Amino acid sequence: MEIQTQDYHTCYDPATATVSFVGSLRLSGLGVYPPIAQLLGEVPDSEPAKITLNLQQLEFLNSSGINMLSKFIIEQRKKALVQMAAQSSQRIAWEGKSLKNLQRLMPGLQLELV
């Protein structure tokens, strides 16, 4: 599964159960995030033991994008069927604070600083 535009690239690797985000997600409002939310929603269907969100190359994520990720995290927490991890980069400022907030939504979320 893959979504690619001029500004961002999102893809799912079923071999590693990793969703990678690259570029800048500055989409205007939650109404334009459904393709990405759908991609995320299909990941648990293959019943992986652990889902990894690789955000190391995501330069920017606006509040609507953070909201979309938060909803995905909350849904996975409710189901309690899969472990979750988020990989982030030290060089990207927004990731530290925002990913800590995601961890508050799902205390078992593993934060991997790369």
C-alpha atoms as a PDB file:
ATOM      1  CA  MET A   1       0.000   0.000   0.000  1.00  0.00           C
ATOM      2  CA  GLU A   2       1.352   3.380  -0.951  1.00  0.00           C
ATOM      3  CA  ILE A   3       0.304   7.006  -1.303  1.00  0.00           C
ATOM      4  CA  GLN A   4       2.588   9.448  -3.051  1.00  0.00           C
ATOM      5  CA  THR A   5       2.205  13.137  -3.837  1.00  0.00           C
ATOM      6  CA  GLN A   6       4.579  16.010  -4.487  1.00  0.00           C
ATOM      7  CA  ASP A   7       4.760  16.817  -0.778  1.00  0.00           C
ATOM      8  CA  TYR A   8       4.683  13.461   0.970  1.00  0.00           C
ATOM      9  CA  HIS A   9       5.031   9.724   0.576  1.00  0.00           C
ATOM     10  CA  THR A  10       3.351   7.155   2.811  1.00  0.00           C
ATOM     11  CA  CYS A  11       3.792   3.433   2.387  1.00  0.00           C
ATOM     12  CA  TYR A  12       3.212   0.196   4.257  1.00  0.00           C
ATOM     13  CA  ASP A  13       5.717  -2.652   4.234  1.00  0.00           C
ATOM     14  CA  PRO A  14       3.859  -5.824   5.258  1.00  0.00           C
ATOM     15  CA  ALA A  15       7.113  -7.755   5.737  1.00  0.00           C
ATOM     16  CA  THR A  16       8.043  -5.520   8.689  1.00  0.00           C
ATOM     17  CA  ALA A  17       4.563  -4.154   9.530  1.00  0.00           C
ATOM     18  CA  THR A  18       6.004  -0.655   9.161  1.00  0.00           C
ATOM     19  CA  VAL A  19       4.179   2.419   7.912  1.00  0.00           C
ATOM     20  CA  SER A  20       6.706   5.008   6.702  1.00  0.00           C
ATOM     21  CA  PHE A  21       6.002   8.702   6.301  1.00  0.00           C
ATOM     22  CA  VAL A  22       8.318  10.939   4.273  1.00  0.00           C
ATOM     23  CA  GLY A  23       8.082  14.634   3.457  1.00  0.00           C
ATOM     24  CA  SER A  24       5.600  17.150   4.770  1.00  0.00           C
ATOM     25  CA  LEU A  25       1.953  16.476   5.652  1.00  0.00           C
ATOM     26  CA  ARG A  26       0.315  19.903   5.573  1.00  0.00           C
ATOM     27  CA  LEU A  27      -3.087  18.776   4.373  1.00  0.00           C
ATOM     28  CA  SER A  28      -5.908  21.170   5.174  1.00  0.00           C
ATOM     29  CA  GLY A  29      -8.254  19.567   7.668  1.00  0.00           C
ATOM     30  CA  LEU A  30      -9.242  16.044   8.575  1.00  0.00           C
ATOM     31  CA  GLY A  31     -11.384  15.836   5.443  1.00  0.00           C
ATOM     32  CA  VAL A  32      -8.327  15.271   3.237  1.00  0.00           C
ATOM     33  CA  TYR A  33      -6.624  12.660   5.435  1.00  0.00           C
ATOM     34  CA  PRO A  34      -8.958   9.690   4.685  1.00  0.00           C
ATOM     35  CA  PRO A  35      -6.588   7.984   2.188  1.00  0.00           C
ATOM     36  CA  ILE A  36      -3.847   7.917   4.815  1.00  0.00           C
ATOM     37  CA  ALA A  37      -6.299   6.929   7.565  1.00  0.00           C
ATOM     38  CA  GLN A  38      -7.561   4.114   5.317  1.00  0.00           C
ATOM     39  CA  LEU A  39      -4.007   2.893   4.735  1.00  0.00           C
ATOM     40  CA  LEU A  40      -3.412   2.899   8.504  1.00  0.00           C
ATOM     41  CA  GLY A  41      -6.745   1.187   9.127  1.00  0.00           C
ATOM     42  CA  GLU A  42      -5.840  -1.713   6.838  1.00  0.00           C
ATOM     43  CA  VAL A  43      -2.519  -2.449   8.570  1.00  0.00           C
ATOM     44  CA  PRO A  44      -4.009  -4.354  11.554  1.00  0.00           C
ATOM     45  CA  ASP A  45      -6.017  -6.564   9.155  1.00  0.00           C
ATOM     46  CA  SER A  46      -2.927  -8.719   8.566  1.00  0.00           C
ATOM     47  CA  GLU A  47      -2.708  -9.241  12.354  1.00  0.00           C
ATOM     48  CA  PRO A  48       0.946  -8.270  12.889  1.00  0.00           C
ATOM     49  CA  ALA A  49       2.361  -8.674  16.382  1.00  0.00           C
ATOM     50  CA  LYS A  50       3.738  -5.127  16.243  1.00  0.00           C
ATOM     51  CA  ILE A  51       3.028  -2.107  14.038  1.00  0.00           C
ATOM     52  CA  THR A  52       5.793   0.463  13.595  1.00  0.00           C
ATOM     53  CA  LEU A  53       5.174   4.038  12.508  1.00  0.00           C
ATOM     54  CA  ASN A  54       8.403   5.290  10.935  1.00  0.00           C
ATOM     55  CA  LEU A  55       8.306   9.092  11.173  1.00  0.00           C
ATOM     56  CA  GLN A  56      12.054   9.659  10.889  1.00  0.00           C
ATOM     57  CA  GLN A  57      11.764  11.448   7.552  1.00  0.00           C
ATOM     58  CA  LEU A  58       8.497  13.281   8.160  1.00  0.00           C
ATOM     59  CA  GLU A  59       9.614  16.897   8.309  1.00  0.00           C
ATOM     60  CA  PHE A  60       6.238  18.354   9.249  1.00  0.00           C
ATOM     61  CA  LEU A  61       2.850  17.099  10.438  1.00  0.00           C
ATOM     62  CA  ASN A  62       0.061  19.596  11.058  1.00  0.00           C
ATOM     63  CA  SER A  63      -2.573  19.349  13.781  1.00  0.00           C
ATOM     64  CA  SER A  64      -5.007  17.515  11.498  1.00  0.00           C
ATOM     65  CA  GLY A  65      -2.349  14.888  10.818  1.00  0.00           C
ATOM     66  CA  ILE A  66      -1.568  14.555  14.509  1.00  0.00           C
ATOM     67  CA  ASN A  67      -5.291  14.149  15.139  1.00  0.00           C
ATOM     68  CA  MET A  68      -5.459  11.383  12.498  1.00  0.00           C
ATOM     69  CA  LEU A  69      -2.513   9.527  14.095  1.00  0.00           C
ATOM     70  CA  SER A  70      -4.061  10.010  17.542  1.00  0.00           C
ATOM     71  CA  LYS A  71      -7.320   8.414  16.398  1.00  0.00           C
ATOM     72  CA  PHE A  72      -5.404   5.472  14.952  1.00  0.00           C
ATOM     73  CA  ILE A  73      -3.444   5.026  18.196  1.00  0.00           C
ATOM     74  CA  ILE A  74      -6.620   5.212  20.304  1.00  0.00           C
ATOM     75  CA  GLU A  75      -8.335   2.632  18.085  1.00  0.00           C
ATOM     76  CA  GLN A  76      -5.404   0.245  18.467  1.00  0.00           C
ATOM     77  CA  ARG A  77      -5.332   0.803  22.223  1.00  0.00           C
ATOM     78  CA  LYS A  78      -9.037  -0.085  22.443  1.00  0.00           C
ATOM     79  CA  LYS A  79      -8.527  -3.290  20.489  1.00  0.00           C
ATOM     80  CA  ALA A  80      -5.428  -4.198  22.531  1.00  0.00           C
ATOM     81  CA  LEU A  81      -4.388  -6.759  19.932  1.00  0.00           C
ATOM     82  CA  VAL A  82      -1.107  -5.323  18.686  1.00  0.00           C
ATOM     83  CA  GLN A  83       1.982  -3.625  20.055  1.00  0.00           C
ATOM     84  CA  MET A  84       2.800  -0.210  18.621  1.00  0.00           C
ATOM     85  CA  ALA A  85       6.104   1.571  18.079  1.00  0.00           C
ATOM     86  CA  ALA A  86       6.948   4.983  16.684  1.00  0.00           C
ATOM     87  CA  GLN A  87      10.377   5.741  15.270  1.00  0.00           C
ATOM     88  CA  SER A  88      11.440   9.364  15.335  1.00  0.00           C
ATOM     89  CA  SER A  89      14.460  11.485  14.563  1.00  0.00           C
ATOM     90  CA  GLN A  90      16.298  13.758  16.983  1.00  0.00           C
ATOM     91  CA  ARG A  91      16.771  16.320  14.236  1.00  0.00           C
ATOM     92  CA  ILE A  92      13.051  16.960  13.710  1.00  0.00           C
ATOM     93  CA  ALA A  93      11.744  19.210  16.488  1.00  0.00           C
ATOM     94  CA  TRP A  94       8.002  18.489  16.331  1.00  0.00           C
ATOM     95  CA  GLU A  95       8.418  14.758  16.838  1.00  0.00           C
ATOM     96  CA  GLY A  96       9.622  14.770  20.444  1.00  0.00           C
ATOM     97  CA  LYS A  97       6.648  16.578  21.938  1.00  0.00           C
ATOM     98  CA  SER A  98       3.985  15.127  19.652  1.00  0.00           C
ATOM     99  CA  LEU A  99       5.128  11.540  20.012  1.00  0.00           C
ATOM    100  CA  LYS A 100       5.203  11.879  23.799  1.00  0.00           C
ATOM    101  CA  ASN A 101       1.546  12.929  23.540  1.00  0.00           C
ATOM    102  CA  LEU A 102       0.788   9.823  21.462  1.00  0.00           C
ATOM    103  CA  GLN A 103       2.454   7.767  24.170  1.00  0.00           C
ATOM    104  CA  ARG A 104       0.079   9.312  26.707  1.00  0.00           C
ATOM    105  CA  LEU A 105      -2.812   8.022  24.593  1.00  0.00           C
ATOM    106  CA  MET A 106      -1.270   4.535  24.483  1.00  0.00           C
ATOM    107  CA  PRO A 107       1.177   4.056  27.365  1.00  0.00           C
ATOM    108  CA  GLY A 108       2.491   0.850  25.776  1.00  0.00           C
ATOM    109  CA  LEU A 109       3.607   2.733  22.647  1.00  0.00           C
ATOM    110  CA  GLN A 110       7.340   2.241  22.264  1.00  0.00           C
ATOM    111  CA  LEU A 111       9.185   5.396  21.223  1.00  0.00           C
ATOM    112  CA  GLU A 112      12.344   4.662  19.281  1.00  0.00           C
ATOM    113  CA  LEU A 113      14.610   7.658  18.837  1.00  0.00           C
ATOM    114  CA  VAL A 114      16.900   7.127  15.873  1.00  0.00           C
END
